[in-house]
Amino acid sequence: MSAKGCCYDNAMAESFFASFKNEALPENGRFESHRTASRAVFDYIECFYNRRRRHTSLGGLSPLTFLNRFFQNQQPSLN
């Protein structure tokens, strides 16, 4: 944790939640049930955000594509 009032403390979390609100929440902002909400959160994080969504920090690549390219460029003796 940094000093009180530092705007960069939660930058990563704030960015994630902004993306989640724009991309995963229903238009009215409410889910039909707790189960529907749980499934939507899981699907967004595990199936879309962490695998297919392009990230600017990875040069516009999805994490899955980035990892595949990384391992393809590794020397065979290291794998």
C-alpha atoms as a PDB file:
ATOM      1  CA  MET A   1       0.000   0.000   0.000  1.00  0.00           C
ATOM      2  CA  SER A   2       1.198   3.448  -0.736  1.00  0.00           C
ATOM      3  CA  ALA A   3       0.514   6.737   0.961  1.00  0.00           C
ATOM      4  CA  LYS A   4      -3.018   7.891   1.703  1.00  0.00           C
ATOM      5  CA  GLY A   5      -4.707   9.452  -1.293  1.00  0.00           C
ATOM      6  CA  CYS A   6      -2.462   7.902  -3.937  1.00  0.00           C
ATOM      7  CA  CYS A   7      -4.624   7.466  -7.008  1.00  0.00           C
ATOM      8  CA  TYR A   8      -2.657   4.453  -8.289  1.00  0.00           C
ATOM      9  CA  ASP A   9      -3.434   2.157  -5.331  1.00  0.00           C
ATOM     10  CA  ASN A  10      -6.428   0.500  -6.931  1.00  0.00           C
ATOM     11  CA  ALA A  11      -5.837   1.310 -10.587  1.00  0.00           C
ATOM     12  CA  MET A  12      -5.798  -2.328 -11.713  1.00  0.00           C
ATOM     13  CA  ALA A  13      -8.941  -3.235  -9.762  1.00  0.00           C
ATOM     14  CA  GLU A  14     -10.746  -0.102 -10.919  1.00  0.00           C
ATOM     15  CA  SER A  15      -9.864  -0.883 -14.524  1.00  0.00           C
ATOM     16  CA  PHE A  16     -11.137  -4.462 -14.185  1.00  0.00           C
ATOM     17  CA  PHE A  17     -14.442  -3.420 -12.602  1.00  0.00           C
ATOM     18  CA  ALA A  18     -15.004  -0.729 -15.216  1.00  0.00           C
ATOM     19  CA  SER A  19     -14.509  -3.351 -17.947  1.00  0.00           C
ATOM     20  CA  PHE A  20     -16.773  -5.791 -16.114  1.00  0.00           C
ATOM     21  CA  LYS A  21     -19.562  -3.239 -15.737  1.00  0.00           C
ATOM     22  CA  ASN A  22     -19.414  -2.299 -19.417  1.00  0.00           C
ATOM     23  CA  GLU A  23     -19.040  -5.800 -20.841  1.00  0.00           C
ATOM     24  CA  ALA A  24     -20.804  -8.240 -18.523  1.00  0.00           C
ATOM     25  CA  LEU A  25     -23.619  -6.562 -16.635  1.00  0.00           C
ATOM     26  CA  PRO A  26     -27.134  -6.628 -18.090  1.00  0.00           C
ATOM     27  CA  GLU A  27     -28.442  -3.324 -19.424  1.00  0.00           C
ATOM     28  CA  ASN A  28     -30.633  -2.762 -16.372  1.00  0.00           C
ATOM     29  CA  GLY A  29     -27.684  -3.568 -14.052  1.00  0.00           C
ATOM     30  CA  ARG A  30     -29.511  -6.407 -12.280  1.00  0.00           C
ATOM     31  CA  PHE A  31     -29.303 -10.167 -12.594  1.00  0.00           C
ATOM     32  CA  GLU A  32     -32.353 -12.413 -12.315  1.00  0.00           C
ATOM     33  CA  SER A  33     -30.877 -14.445  -9.473  1.00  0.00           C
ATOM     34  CA  HIS A  34     -27.748 -15.013  -7.446  1.00  0.00           C
ATOM     35  CA  ARG A  35     -26.983 -18.111  -9.500  1.00  0.00           C
ATOM     36  CA  THR A  36     -27.237 -16.149 -12.766  1.00  0.00           C
ATOM     37  CA  ALA A  37     -24.908 -13.487 -11.361  1.00  0.00           C
ATOM     38  CA  SER A  38     -22.386 -16.092 -10.186  1.00  0.00           C
ATOM     39  CA  ARG A  39     -22.358 -17.791 -13.566  1.00  0.00           C
ATOM     40  CA  ALA A  40     -21.999 -14.467 -15.398  1.00  0.00           C
ATOM     41  CA  VAL A  41     -19.056 -13.420 -13.206  1.00  0.00           C
ATOM     42  CA  PHE A  42     -17.350 -16.797 -13.626  1.00  0.00           C
ATOM     43  CA  ASP A  43     -17.871 -16.831 -17.402  1.00  0.00           C
ATOM     44  CA  TYR A  44     -16.599 -13.277 -17.759  1.00  0.00           C
ATOM     45  CA  ILE A  45     -13.453 -13.781 -15.686  1.00  0.00           C
ATOM     46  CA  GLU A  46     -12.445 -17.342 -16.547  1.00  0.00           C
ATOM     47  CA  CYS A  47     -13.732 -17.697 -20.107  1.00  0.00           C
ATOM     48  CA  PHE A  48     -13.481 -14.213 -21.591  1.00  0.00           C
ATOM     49  CA  TYR A  49     -11.412 -11.707 -19.603  1.00  0.00           C
ATOM     50  CA  ASN A  50      -8.485 -13.977 -18.776  1.00  0.00           C
ATOM     51  CA  ARG A  51      -8.376 -15.862 -22.093  1.00  0.00           C
ATOM     52  CA  ARG A  52      -9.839 -14.074 -25.098  1.00  0.00           C
ATOM     53  CA  ARG A  53     -10.132 -10.368 -24.269  1.00  0.00           C
ATOM     54  CA  ARG A  54      -7.328  -8.333 -25.784  1.00  0.00           C
ATOM     55  CA  HIS A  55      -5.185  -6.469 -23.259  1.00  0.00           C
ATOM     56  CA  THR A  56      -3.246  -3.321 -24.054  1.00  0.00           C
ATOM     57  CA  SER A  57      -0.473  -4.399 -21.682  1.00  0.00           C
ATOM     58  CA  LEU A  58       0.115  -7.441 -23.938  1.00  0.00           C
ATOM     59  CA  GLY A  59       0.347  -5.443 -27.126  1.00  0.00           C
ATOM     60  CA  GLY A  60      -3.302  -5.912 -28.023  1.00  0.00           C
ATOM     61  CA  LEU A  61      -3.159  -9.705 -27.752  1.00  0.00           C
ATOM     62  CA  SER A  62      -5.344 -11.984 -25.688  1.00  0.00           C
ATOM     63  CA  PRO A  63      -3.549 -13.711 -22.809  1.00  0.00           C
ATOM     64  CA  LEU A  64      -4.007 -17.091 -24.521  1.00  0.00           C
ATOM     65  CA  THR A  65      -2.471 -15.842 -27.786  1.00  0.00           C
ATOM     66  CA  PHE A  66       0.331 -14.134 -25.871  1.00  0.00           C
ATOM     67  CA  LEU A  67       1.206 -17.347 -24.017  1.00  0.00           C
ATOM     68  CA  ASN A  68       1.056 -19.442 -27.188  1.00  0.00           C
ATOM     69  CA  ARG A  69       3.441 -17.061 -28.965  1.00  0.00           C
ATOM     70  CA  PHE A  70       5.717 -16.954 -25.948  1.00  0.00           C
ATOM     71  CA  PHE A  71       6.053 -20.743 -25.793  1.00  0.00           C
ATOM     72  CA  GLN A  72       6.503 -21.027 -29.558  1.00  0.00           C
ATOM     73  CA  ASN A  73       9.488 -18.694 -29.339  1.00  0.00           C
ATOM     74  CA  GLN A  74      11.158 -20.617 -26.528  1.00  0.00           C
ATOM     75  CA  GLN A  75      14.109 -22.866 -27.224  1.00  0.00           C
ATOM     76  CA  PRO A  76      13.077 -26.547 -27.346  1.00  0.00           C
ATOM     77  CA  SER A  77      15.780 -27.462 -24.830  1.00  0.00           C
ATOM     78  CA  LEU A  78      14.067 -25.283 -22.194  1.00  0.00           C
ATOM     79  CA  ASN A  79      10.668 -26.965 -22.474  1.00  0.00           C
END
